[in-house]
């Protein structure tokens, strides 16, 4: 393999790894949001869900630019 191909393969693996981590973070934030009653924690998890959604959207867009195929994460709150 050429050096460029190795770098691209590493970048793709890293991007897929980041997407998987973000999926987990988003699922965790939704779960935590559904299980809290304290108003401060509700606000905290709203911000956490929004941040994870924005990161996930960004990473999917990045994957699209590099022509990676990613199975999208569907959550029904």
PDB file of N, CA and C in Angstrom:
ATOM      1  N   UNK A   1       0.824  -1.184   0.000  1.00  0.00           N
ATOM      2  CA  UNK A   1       0.000   0.000   0.000  1.00  0.00           C
ATOM      3  C   UNK A   1       0.863   1.241   0.000  1.00  0.00           C
ATOM      4  N   UNK A   2       0.375   2.232  -0.691  1.00  0.00           N
ATOM      5  CA  UNK A   2       1.092   3.488  -0.709  1.00  0.00           C
ATOM      6  C   UNK A   2       0.813   4.261   0.568  1.00  0.00           C
ATOM      7  N   UNK A   3       1.686   5.188   0.839  1.00  0.00           N
ATOM      8  CA  UNK A   3       1.561   6.000   2.058  1.00  0.00           C
ATOM      9  C   UNK A   3       0.226   6.762   2.081  1.00  0.00           C
ATOM     10  N   UNK A   4      -0.201   7.306   0.922  1.00  0.00           N
ATOM     11  CA  UNK A   4      -1.463   8.052   0.851  1.00  0.00           C
ATOM     12  C   UNK A   4      -2.645   7.140   1.161  1.00  0.00           C
ATOM     13  N   UNK A   5      -2.612   5.906   0.647  1.00  0.00           N
ATOM     14  CA  UNK A   5      -3.695   4.959   0.897  1.00  0.00           C
ATOM     15  C   UNK A   5      -3.758   4.576   2.370  1.00  0.00           C
ATOM     16  N   UNK A   6      -2.596   4.415   2.993  1.00  0.00           N
ATOM     17  CA  UNK A   6      -2.556   4.104   4.416  1.00  0.00           C
ATOM     18  C   UNK A   6      -3.119   5.245   5.242  1.00  0.00           C
ATOM     19  N   UNK A   7      -2.752   6.466   4.878  1.00  0.00           N
ATOM     20  CA  UNK A   7      -3.246   7.635   5.601  1.00  0.00           C
ATOM     21  C   UNK A   7      -4.756   7.746   5.456  1.00  0.00           C
ATOM     22  N   UNK A   8      -5.268   7.488   4.260  1.00  0.00           N
ATOM     23  CA  UNK A   8      -6.702   7.561   4.021  1.00  0.00           C
ATOM     24  C   UNK A   8      -7.427   6.466   4.802  1.00  0.00           C
ATOM     25  N   UNK A   9      -6.870   5.263   4.803  1.00  0.00           N
ATOM     26  CA  UNK A   9      -7.491   4.168   5.541  1.00  0.00           C
ATOM     27  C   UNK A   9      -7.533   4.496   7.038  1.00  0.00           C
ATOM     28  N   UNK A  10      -6.463   5.068   7.557  1.00  0.00           N
ATOM     29  CA  UNK A  10      -6.428   5.447   8.968  1.00  0.00           C
ATOM     30  C   UNK A  10      -7.469   6.519   9.256  1.00  0.00           C
ATOM     31  N   UNK A  11      -7.560   7.507   8.373  1.00  0.00           N
ATOM     32  CA  UNK A  11      -8.529   8.592   8.543  1.00  0.00           C
ATOM     33  C   UNK A  11      -9.955   8.062   8.538  1.00  0.00           C
ATOM     34  N   UNK A  12     -10.230   7.130   7.636  1.00  0.00           N
ATOM     35  CA  UNK A  12     -11.570   6.544   7.550  1.00  0.00           C
ATOM     36  C   UNK A  12     -11.900   5.759   8.814  1.00  0.00           C
ATOM     37  N   UNK A  13     -10.947   4.981   9.296  1.00  0.00           N
ATOM     38  CA  UNK A  13     -11.170   4.212  10.526  1.00  0.00           C
ATOM     39  C   UNK A  13     -11.390   5.139  11.711  1.00  0.00           C
ATOM     40  N   UNK A  14     -10.618   6.205  11.770  1.00  0.00           N
ATOM     41  CA  UNK A  14     -10.757   7.172  12.860  1.00  0.00           C
ATOM     42  C   UNK A  14     -12.134   7.831  12.810  1.00  0.00           C
ATOM     43  N   UNK A  15     -12.566   8.222  11.619  1.00  0.00           N
ATOM     44  CA  UNK A  15     -13.868   8.858  11.455  1.00  0.00           C
ATOM     45  C   UNK A  15     -14.994   7.905  11.853  1.00  0.00           C
ATOM     46  N   UNK A  16     -14.902   6.650  11.429  1.00  0.00           N
ATOM     47  CA  UNK A  16     -15.918   5.659  11.807  1.00  0.00           C
ATOM     48  C   UNK A  16     -15.930   5.438  13.317  1.00  0.00           C
ATOM     49  N   UNK A  17     -14.762   5.440  13.919  1.00  0.00           N
ATOM     50  CA  UNK A  17     -14.665   5.288  15.366  1.00  0.00           C
ATOM     51  C   UNK A  17     -15.321   6.471  16.081  1.00  0.00           C
ATOM     52  N   UNK A  18     -15.070   7.660  15.605  1.00  0.00           N
ATOM     53  CA  UNK A  18     -15.669   8.855  16.196  1.00  0.00           C
ATOM     54  C   UNK A  18     -17.191   8.839  16.053  1.00  0.00           C
ATOM     55  N   UNK A  19     -17.671   8.364  14.927  1.00  0.00           N
ATOM     56  CA  UNK A  19     -19.119   8.269  14.717  1.00  0.00           C
ATOM     57  C   UNK A  19     -19.728   7.278  15.707  1.00  0.00           C
ATOM     58  N   UNK A  20     -19.091   6.148  15.894  1.00  0.00           N
ATOM     59  CA  UNK A  20     -19.595   5.155  16.851  1.00  0.00           C
ATOM     60  C   UNK A  20     -19.602   5.710  18.274  1.00  0.00           C
ATOM     61  N   UNK A  21     -18.548   6.403  18.650  1.00  0.00           N
ATOM     62  CA  UNK A  21     -18.489   6.997  19.995  1.00  0.00           C
ATOM     63  C   UNK A  21     -19.584   8.042  20.177  1.00  0.00           C
ATOM     64  N   UNK A  22     -19.846   8.808  19.145  1.00  0.00           N
ATOM     65  CA  UNK A  22     -20.879   9.833  19.216  1.00  0.00           C
ATOM     66  C   UNK A  22     -22.263   9.208  19.298  1.00  0.00           C
ATOM     67  N   UNK A  23     -22.472   8.096  18.592  1.00  0.00           N
ATOM     68  CA  UNK A  23     -23.744   7.368  18.700  1.00  0.00           C
ATOM     69  C   UNK A  23     -23.981   6.938  20.148  1.00  0.00           C
ATOM     70  N   UNK A  24     -22.960   6.412  20.767  1.00  0.00           N
ATOM     71  CA  UNK A  24     -23.067   5.971  22.167  1.00  0.00           C
ATOM     72  C   UNK A  24     -23.337   7.150  23.093  1.00  0.00           C
ATOM     73  N   UNK A  25     -22.650   8.251  22.876  1.00  0.00           N
ATOM     74  CA  UNK A  25     -22.846   9.441  23.697  1.00  0.00           C
ATOM     75  C   UNK A  25     -24.266   9.981  23.543  1.00  0.00           C
ATOM     76  N   UNK A  26     -24.785   9.932  22.325  1.00  0.00           N
ATOM     77  CA  UNK A  26     -26.140  10.414  22.076  1.00  0.00           C
ATOM     78  C   UNK A  26     -27.169   9.512  22.754  1.00  0.00           C
ATOM     79  N   UNK A  27     -26.985   8.221  22.641  1.00  0.00           N
ATOM     80  CA  UNK A  27     -27.893   7.281  23.300  1.00  0.00           C
ATOM     81  C   UNK A  27     -27.855   7.468  24.816  1.00  0.00           C
ATOM     82  N   UNK A  28     -26.676   7.662  25.361  1.00  0.00           N
ATOM     83  CA  UNK A  28     -26.522   7.875  26.793  1.00  0.00           C
ATOM     84  C   UNK A  28     -27.196   9.174  27.235  1.00  0.00           C
ATOM     85  N   UNK A  29     -27.025  10.228  26.464  1.00  0.00           N
ATOM     86  CA  UNK A  29     -27.631  11.515  26.805  1.00  0.00           C
ATOM     87  C   UNK A  29     -29.154  11.413  26.779  1.00  0.00           C
ATOM     88  N   UNK A  30     -29.711  10.723  25.778  1.00  0.00           N
ATOM     89  CA  UNK A  30     -31.160  10.523  25.727  1.00  0.00           C
ATOM     90  C   UNK A  30     -31.636   9.719  26.932  1.00  0.00           C
ATOM     91  N   UNK A  31     -30.927   8.672  27.263  1.00  0.00           N
ATOM     92  CA  UNK A  31     -31.299   7.834  28.392  1.00  0.00           C
ATOM     93  C   UNK A  31     -31.265   8.622  29.699  1.00  0.00           C
ATOM     94  N   UNK A  32     -30.198   9.378  29.901  1.00  0.00           N
ATOM     95  CA  UNK A  32     -30.082  10.192  31.106  1.00  0.00           C
ATOM     96  C   UNK A  32     -31.184  11.246  31.178  1.00  0.00           C
ATOM     97  N   UNK A  33     -31.482  11.869  30.038  1.00  0.00           N
ATOM     98  CA  UNK A  33     -32.524  12.888  29.998  1.00  0.00           C
ATOM     99  C   UNK A  33     -33.875  12.300  30.406  1.00  0.00           C
ATOM    100  N   UNK A  34     -34.156  11.095  29.946  1.00  0.00           N
ATOM    101  CA  UNK A  34     -35.440  10.456  30.237  1.00  0.00           C
ATOM    102  C   UNK A  34     -35.565  10.034  31.698  1.00  0.00           C
ATOM    103  N   UNK A  35     -34.454   9.963  32.415  1.00  0.00           N
ATOM    104  CA  UNK A  35     -34.489   9.430  33.774  1.00  0.00           C
ATOM    105  C   UNK A  35     -34.200  10.443  34.878  1.00  0.00           C
ATOM    106  N   UNK A  36     -34.136  11.716  34.551  1.00  0.00           N
ATOM    107  CA  UNK A  36     -33.871  12.710  35.599  1.00  0.00           C
ATOM    108  C   UNK A  36     -35.126  13.523  35.899  1.00  0.00           C
ATOM    109  N   UNK A  37     -35.170  14.061  37.104  1.00  0.00           N
ATOM    110  CA  UNK A  37     -36.298  14.903  37.502  1.00  0.00           C
ATOM    111  C   UNK A  37     -35.842  16.283  37.969  1.00  0.00           C
ATOM    112  N   UNK A  38     -34.592  16.417  38.332  1.00  0.00           N
ATOM    113  CA  UNK A  38     -34.062  17.696  38.795  1.00  0.00           C
ATOM    114  C   UNK A  38     -33.971  18.672  37.610  1.00  0.00           C
ATOM    115  N   UNK A  39     -34.531  19.873  37.741  1.00  0.00           N
ATOM    116  CA  UNK A  39     -34.523  20.841  36.632  1.00  0.00           C
ATOM    117  C   UNK A  39     -33.120  21.178  36.109  1.00  0.00           C
ATOM    118  N   UNK A  40     -32.140  21.261  37.008  1.00  0.00           N
ATOM    119  CA  UNK A  40     -30.775  21.560  36.560  1.00  0.00           C
ATOM    120  C   UNK A  40     -30.216  20.427  35.707  1.00  0.00           C
ATOM    121  N   UNK A  41     -30.501  19.196  36.106  1.00  0.00           N
ATOM    122  CA  UNK A  41     -30.016  18.056  35.327  1.00  0.00           C
ATOM    123  C   UNK A  41     -30.758  17.929  34.004  1.00  0.00           C
ATOM    124  N   UNK A  42     -32.024  18.292  33.995  1.00  0.00           N
ATOM    125  CA  UNK A  42     -32.781  18.277  32.739  1.00  0.00           C
ATOM    126  C   UNK A  42     -32.118  19.223  31.750  1.00  0.00           C
ATOM    127  N   UNK A  43     -31.806  20.438  32.209  1.00  0.00           N
ATOM    128  CA  UNK A  43     -31.119  21.406  31.343  1.00  0.00           C
ATOM    129  C   UNK A  43     -29.779  20.860  30.863  1.00  0.00           C
ATOM    130  N   UNK A  44     -29.055  20.245  31.776  1.00  0.00           N
ATOM    131  CA  UNK A  44     -27.748  19.679  31.451  1.00  0.00           C
ATOM    132  C   UNK A  44     -27.864  18.656  30.320  1.00  0.00           C
ATOM    133  N   UNK A  45     -28.831  17.753  30.427  1.00  0.00           N
ATOM    134  CA  UNK A  45     -28.962  16.712  29.409  1.00  0.00           C
ATOM    135  C   UNK A  45     -29.548  17.234  28.109  1.00  0.00           C
ATOM    136  N   UNK A  46     -30.323  18.306  28.174  1.00  0.00           N
ATOM    137  CA  UNK A  46     -30.780  18.933  26.931  1.00  0.00           C
ATOM    138  C   UNK A  46     -29.573  19.451  26.157  1.00  0.00           C
ATOM    139  N   UNK A  47     -28.672  20.132  26.858  1.00  0.00           N
ATOM    140  CA  UNK A  47     -27.453  20.623  26.208  1.00  0.00           C
ATOM    141  C   UNK A  47     -26.603  19.465  25.696  1.00  0.00           C
ATOM    142  N   UNK A  48     -26.518  18.410  26.481  1.00  0.00           N
ATOM    143  CA  UNK A  48     -25.713  17.251  26.089  1.00  0.00           C
ATOM    144  C   UNK A  48     -26.283  16.583  24.828  1.00  0.00           C
ATOM    145  N   UNK A  49     -27.604  16.436  24.771  1.00  0.00           N
ATOM    146  CA  UNK A  49     -28.245  15.855  23.586  1.00  0.00           C
ATOM    147  C   UNK A  49     -27.992  16.740  22.376  1.00  0.00           C
ATOM    148  N   UNK A  50     -28.188  18.047  22.527  1.00  0.00           N
ATOM    149  CA  UNK A  50     -27.971  18.966  21.409  1.00  0.00           C
ATOM    150  C   UNK A  50     -26.532  18.926  20.910  1.00  0.00           C
ATOM    151  N   UNK A  51     -25.590  18.896  21.840  1.00  0.00           N
ATOM    152  CA  UNK A  51     -24.175  18.849  21.451  1.00  0.00           C
ATOM    153  C   UNK A  51     -23.861  17.553  20.707  1.00  0.00           C
ATOM    154  N   UNK A  52     -24.357  16.438  21.206  1.00  0.00           N
ATOM    155  CA  UNK A  52     -24.098  15.151  20.556  1.00  0.00           C
ATOM    156  C   UNK A  52     -24.751  15.098  19.176  1.00  0.00           C
ATOM    157  N   UNK A  53     -25.957  15.668  19.043  1.00  0.00           N
ATOM    158  CA  UNK A  53     -26.627  15.703  17.739  1.00  0.00           C
ATOM    159  C   UNK A  53     -25.832  16.521  16.731  1.00  0.00           C
ATOM    160  N   UNK A  54     -25.336  17.655  17.166  1.00  0.00           N
ATOM    161  CA  UNK A  54     -24.554  18.508  16.259  1.00  0.00           C
ATOM    162  C   UNK A  54     -23.249  17.825  15.848  1.00  0.00           C
ATOM    163  N   UNK A  55     -22.592  17.180  16.797  1.00  0.00           N
ATOM    164  CA  UNK A  55     -21.357  16.460  16.488  1.00  0.00           C
ATOM    165  C   UNK A  55     -21.630  15.314  15.522  1.00  0.00           C
ATOM    166  N   UNK A  56     -22.705  14.581  15.759  1.00  0.00           N
ATOM    167  CA  UNK A  56     -23.071  13.465  14.891  1.00  0.00           C
ATOM    168  C   UNK A  56     -23.362  13.954  13.472  1.00  0.00           C
ATOM    169  N   UNK A  57     -24.098  15.049  13.368  1.00  0.00           N
ATOM    170  CA  UNK A  57     -24.406  15.622  12.054  1.00  0.00           C
ATOM    171  C   UNK A  57     -23.123  16.029  11.331  1.00  0.00           C
ATOM    172  N   UNK A  58     -22.215  16.680  12.062  1.00  0.00           N
ATOM    173  CA  UNK A  58     -20.933  17.100  11.489  1.00  0.00           C
ATOM    174  C   UNK A  58     -20.134  15.895  10.982  1.00  0.00           C
ATOM    175  N   UNK A  59     -20.052  14.832  11.803  1.00  0.00           N
ATOM    176  CA  UNK A  59     -19.279  13.654  11.422  1.00  0.00           C
ATOM    177  C   UNK A  59     -19.892  12.937  10.221  1.00  0.00           C
ATOM    178  N   UNK A  60     -21.223  12.885  10.163  1.00  0.00           N
ATOM    179  CA  UNK A  60     -21.869  12.268   9.002  1.00  0.00           C
ATOM    180  C   UNK A  60     -21.592  13.063   7.732  1.00  0.00           C
ATOM    181  N   UNK A  61     -21.594  14.377   7.863  1.00  0.00           N
ATOM    182  CA  UNK A  61     -21.281  15.218   6.706  1.00  0.00           C
ATOM    183  C   UNK A  61     -19.849  14.991   6.243  1.00  0.00           C
ATOM    184  N   UNK A  62     -18.940  14.875   7.206  1.00  0.00           N
ATOM    185  CA  UNK A  62     -17.534  14.597   6.899  1.00  0.00           C
ATOM    186  C   UNK A  62     -17.388  13.242   6.194  1.00  0.00           C
ATOM    187  N   UNK A  63     -18.124  12.246   6.679  1.00  0.00           N
ATOM    188  CA  UNK A  63     -18.094  10.917   6.066  1.00  0.00           C
ATOM    189  C   UNK A  63     -18.642  10.977   4.644  1.00  0.00           C
ATOM    190  N   UNK A  64     -19.684  11.763   4.454  1.00  0.00           N
ATOM    191  CA  UNK A  64     -20.277  11.909   3.122  1.00  0.00           C
ATOM    192  C   UNK A  64     -19.274  12.527   2.147  1.00  0.00           C
ATOM    193  N   UNK A  65     -18.511  13.507   2.628  1.00  0.00           N
ATOM    194  CA  UNK A  65     -17.513  14.164   1.793  1.00  0.00           C
ATOM    195  C   UNK A  65     -16.413  13.195   1.355  1.00  0.00           C
ATOM    196  N   UNK A  66     -16.117  12.206   2.197  1.00  0.00           N
ATOM    197  CA  UNK A  66     -15.068  11.243   1.861  1.00  0.00           C
ATOM    198  C   UNK A  66     -15.642   9.957   1.259  1.00  0.00           C
ATOM    199  N   UNK A  67     -16.941   9.989   0.958  1.00  0.00           N
ATOM    200  CA  UNK A  67     -17.640   8.853   0.340  1.00  0.00           C
ATOM    201  C   UNK A  67     -17.643   7.602   1.198  1.00  0.00           C
ATOM    202  N   UNK A  68     -17.648   7.776   2.511  1.00  0.00           N
ATOM    203  CA  UNK A  68     -17.763   6.638   3.415  1.00  0.00           C
ATOM    204  C   UNK A  68     -19.233   6.272   3.554  1.00  0.00           C
ATOM    205  N   UNK A  69     -19.497   4.997   3.699  1.00  0.00           N
ATOM    206  CA  UNK A  69     -20.860   4.544   3.916  1.00  0.00           C
ATOM    207  C   UNK A  69     -21.021   4.278   5.410  1.00  0.00           C
ATOM    208  N   UNK A  70     -21.982   4.963   6.022  1.00  0.00           N
ATOM    209  CA  UNK A  70     -22.204   4.845   7.451  1.00  0.00           C
ATOM    210  C   UNK A  70     -23.676   4.529   7.675  1.00  0.00           C
ATOM    211  N   UNK A  71     -23.933   3.519   8.500  1.00  0.00           N
ATOM    212  CA  UNK A  71     -25.306   3.218   8.871  1.00  0.00           C
ATOM    213  C   UNK A  71     -25.737   4.271   9.880  1.00  0.00           C
ATOM    214  N   UNK A  72     -26.772   5.050   9.509  1.00  0.00           N
ATOM    215  CA  UNK A  72     -27.210   6.134  10.382  1.00  0.00           C
ATOM    216  C   UNK A  72     -27.908   5.622  11.616  1.00  0.00           C
ATOM    217  N   UNK A  73     -27.828   6.409  12.640  1.00  0.00           N
ATOM    218  CA  UNK A  73     -28.361   6.087  13.963  1.00  0.00           C
ATOM    219  C   UNK A  73     -29.752   6.713  14.061  1.00  0.00           C
ATOM    220  N   UNK A  74     -30.743   5.909  14.348  1.00  0.00           N
ATOM    221  CA  UNK A  74     -32.106   6.405  14.488  1.00  0.00           C
ATOM    222  C   UNK A  74     -32.543   6.279  15.933  1.00  0.00           C
ATOM    223  N   UNK A  75     -32.949   7.394  16.514  1.00  0.00           N
ATOM    224  CA  UNK A  75     -33.484   7.375  17.867  1.00  0.00           C
ATOM    225  C   UNK A  75     -34.881   7.942  17.821  1.00  0.00           C
ATOM    226  N   UNK A  76     -35.791   7.267  18.455  1.00  0.00           N
ATOM    227  CA  UNK A  76     -37.155   7.769  18.544  1.00  0.00           C
ATOM    228  C   UNK A  76     -37.433   8.131  19.992  1.00  0.00           C
ATOM    229  N   UNK A  77     -37.300   9.408  20.322  1.00  0.00           N
ATOM    230  CA  UNK A  77     -37.504   9.830  21.716  1.00  0.00           C
ATOM    231  C   UNK A  77     -38.955   9.726  22.138  1.00  0.00           C
TER     232      UNK A  77
END
